[in-house]
Amino acid sequence: MTETEQRRHFQRIKSLSTNKFWKYMNVLHTRAYTKAENHYQEAMDIVLTPKQKAAVVAKANEIRELWDGMPPITLDATEDAEMRELGV
């Protein structure tokens, strides 16, 4: 991204209302979470057996859902609608 593009993006973010800003942050954090999850999945594919990987994924889902109270997130369902609404 060029410096001019960075400035335009920054100005667009500065112009958002508080509510739209937090929706935008949710989209960015969802993207980052999804990318990190992909990295861990790829690493487990390389290092662990399929049975071990399944156990790790099951435990991670349990921790996320039961301990932290976070339901599963789908990037497609959240990002498109929110980004269109934000105009970003």
C-alpha atoms as a PDB file:
ATOM      1  CA  MET A   1       0.000   0.000   0.000  1.00  0.00           C
ATOM      2  CA  THR A   2       1.444   3.363  -0.986  1.00  0.00           C
ATOM      3  CA  GLU A   3       1.620   6.277   1.416  1.00  0.00           C
ATOM      4  CA  THR A   4      -1.222   8.013  -0.450  1.00  0.00           C
ATOM      5  CA  GLU A   5      -3.414   4.920  -0.101  1.00  0.00           C
ATOM      6  CA  GLN A   6      -2.562   4.707   3.588  1.00  0.00           C
ATOM      7  CA  ARG A   7      -3.563   8.339   4.112  1.00  0.00           C
ATOM      8  CA  ARG A   8      -6.871   7.856   2.275  1.00  0.00           C
ATOM      9  CA  HIS A   9      -7.656   4.794   4.331  1.00  0.00           C
ATOM     10  CA  PHE A  10      -6.754   6.617   7.539  1.00  0.00           C
ATOM     11  CA  GLN A  11      -8.997   9.556   6.622  1.00  0.00           C
ATOM     12  CA  ARG A  12     -11.864   7.193   5.821  1.00  0.00           C
ATOM     13  CA  ILE A  13     -11.477   5.489   9.218  1.00  0.00           C
ATOM     14  CA  LYS A  14     -11.328   8.850  11.013  1.00  0.00           C
ATOM     15  CA  SER A  15     -14.623   9.837   9.420  1.00  0.00           C
ATOM     16  CA  LEU A  16     -16.549   6.827  10.816  1.00  0.00           C
ATOM     17  CA  SER A  17     -19.049   7.182  13.621  1.00  0.00           C
ATOM     18  CA  THR A  18     -18.269   5.398  16.891  1.00  0.00           C
ATOM     19  CA  ASN A  19     -20.660   2.565  16.081  1.00  0.00           C
ATOM     20  CA  LYS A  20     -19.253   2.077  12.567  1.00  0.00           C
ATOM     21  CA  PHE A  21     -15.692   2.255  13.886  1.00  0.00           C
ATOM     22  CA  TRP A  22     -16.330  -0.625  16.299  1.00  0.00           C
ATOM     23  CA  LYS A  23     -18.025  -2.663  13.577  1.00  0.00           C
ATOM     24  CA  TYR A  24     -14.960  -2.056  11.410  1.00  0.00           C
ATOM     25  CA  MET A  25     -12.678  -3.165  14.267  1.00  0.00           C
ATOM     26  CA  ASN A  26     -14.763  -6.338  14.657  1.00  0.00           C
ATOM     27  CA  VAL A  27     -14.240  -7.124  10.990  1.00  0.00           C
ATOM     28  CA  LEU A  28     -10.473  -6.614  11.278  1.00  0.00           C
ATOM     29  CA  HIS A  29     -10.237  -8.730  14.417  1.00  0.00           C
ATOM     30  CA  THR A  30     -12.327 -11.468  12.812  1.00  0.00           C
ATOM     31  CA  ARG A  31      -9.944 -11.494   9.852  1.00  0.00           C
ATOM     32  CA  ALA A  32      -6.921 -11.719  12.155  1.00  0.00           C
ATOM     33  CA  TYR A  33      -8.504 -14.505  14.217  1.00  0.00           C
ATOM     34  CA  THR A  34      -9.356 -16.458  11.074  1.00  0.00           C
ATOM     35  CA  LYS A  35      -5.843 -16.058   9.670  1.00  0.00           C
ATOM     36  CA  ALA A  36      -4.298 -17.239  12.963  1.00  0.00           C
ATOM     37  CA  GLU A  37      -6.641 -20.230  12.992  1.00  0.00           C
ATOM     38  CA  ASN A  38      -5.520 -21.093   9.441  1.00  0.00           C
ATOM     39  CA  HIS A  39      -1.872 -20.924  10.516  1.00  0.00           C
ATOM     40  CA  TYR A  40      -2.484 -23.293  13.415  1.00  0.00           C
ATOM     41  CA  GLN A  41      -4.451 -25.695  11.199  1.00  0.00           C
ATOM     42  CA  GLU A  42      -1.587 -25.807   8.692  1.00  0.00           C
ATOM     43  CA  ALA A  43       0.987 -26.331  11.432  1.00  0.00           C
ATOM     44  CA  MET A  44      -1.060 -29.166  12.937  1.00  0.00           C
ATOM     45  CA  ASP A  45      -1.385 -30.782   9.487  1.00  0.00           C
ATOM     46  CA  ILE A  46       2.410 -30.877   9.264  1.00  0.00           C
ATOM     47  CA  VAL A  47       3.331 -31.916  12.809  1.00  0.00           C
ATOM     48  CA  LEU A  48       0.430 -33.950  14.247  1.00  0.00           C
ATOM     49  CA  THR A  49      -1.310 -37.140  13.283  1.00  0.00           C
ATOM     50  CA  PRO A  50      -4.941 -36.749  12.169  1.00  0.00           C
ATOM     51  CA  LYS A  51      -6.133 -38.185  15.508  1.00  0.00           C
ATOM     52  CA  GLN A  52      -3.978 -35.740  17.497  1.00  0.00           C
ATOM     53  CA  LYS A  53      -5.134 -32.836  15.346  1.00  0.00           C
ATOM     54  CA  ALA A  54      -8.782 -33.746  15.881  1.00  0.00           C
ATOM     55  CA  ALA A  55      -8.219 -33.828  19.659  1.00  0.00           C
ATOM     56  CA  VAL A  56      -6.521 -30.415  19.633  1.00  0.00           C
ATOM     57  CA  VAL A  57      -9.278 -28.860  17.486  1.00  0.00           C
ATOM     58  CA  ALA A  58     -11.988 -30.319  19.733  1.00  0.00           C
ATOM     59  CA  LYS A  59     -10.287 -28.955  22.862  1.00  0.00           C
ATOM     60  CA  ALA A  60      -9.744 -25.533  21.284  1.00  0.00           C
ATOM     61  CA  ASN A  61     -13.433 -25.367  20.335  1.00  0.00           C
ATOM     62  CA  GLU A  62     -14.427 -26.374  23.859  1.00  0.00           C
ATOM     63  CA  ILE A  63     -12.209 -23.678  25.383  1.00  0.00           C
ATOM     64  CA  ARG A  64     -13.496 -21.015  22.981  1.00  0.00           C
ATOM     65  CA  GLU A  65     -17.174 -21.882  23.349  1.00  0.00           C
ATOM     66  CA  LEU A  66     -17.508 -23.082  26.956  1.00  0.00           C
ATOM     67  CA  TRP A  67     -14.747 -21.299  28.816  1.00  0.00           C
ATOM     68  CA  ASP A  68     -14.729 -18.004  26.917  1.00  0.00           C
ATOM     69  CA  GLY A  69     -18.363 -17.993  25.754  1.00  0.00           C
ATOM     70  CA  MET A  70     -17.442 -17.220  22.135  1.00  0.00           C
ATOM     71  CA  PRO A  71     -19.610 -18.860  19.476  1.00  0.00           C
ATOM     72  CA  PRO A  72     -18.044 -19.949  16.189  1.00  0.00           C
ATOM     73  CA  ILE A  73     -17.333 -17.073  13.790  1.00  0.00           C
ATOM     74  CA  THR A  74     -17.721 -17.259  10.041  1.00  0.00           C
ATOM     75  CA  LEU A  75     -15.855 -14.611   8.143  1.00  0.00           C
ATOM     76  CA  ASP A  76     -18.129 -14.652   5.098  1.00  0.00           C
ATOM     77  CA  ALA A  77     -21.271 -14.057   7.146  1.00  0.00           C
ATOM     78  CA  THR A  78     -19.935 -11.026   8.999  1.00  0.00           C
ATOM     79  CA  GLU A  79     -17.445  -9.287   6.781  1.00  0.00           C
ATOM     80  CA  ASP A  80     -19.384  -8.644   3.582  1.00  0.00           C
ATOM     81  CA  ALA A  81     -22.445  -7.095   5.197  1.00  0.00           C
ATOM     82  CA  GLU A  82     -20.503  -5.011   7.708  1.00  0.00           C
ATOM     83  CA  MET A  83     -17.969  -3.696   5.213  1.00  0.00           C
ATOM     84  CA  ARG A  84     -20.729  -2.659   2.780  1.00  0.00           C
ATOM     85  CA  GLU A  85     -22.583  -0.926   5.607  1.00  0.00           C
ATOM     86  CA  LEU A  86     -19.428   0.910   6.640  1.00  0.00           C
ATOM     87  CA  GLY A  87     -18.557   1.983   3.128  1.00  0.00           C
ATOM     88  CA  VAL A  88     -14.960   0.896   3.656  1.00  0.00           C
END
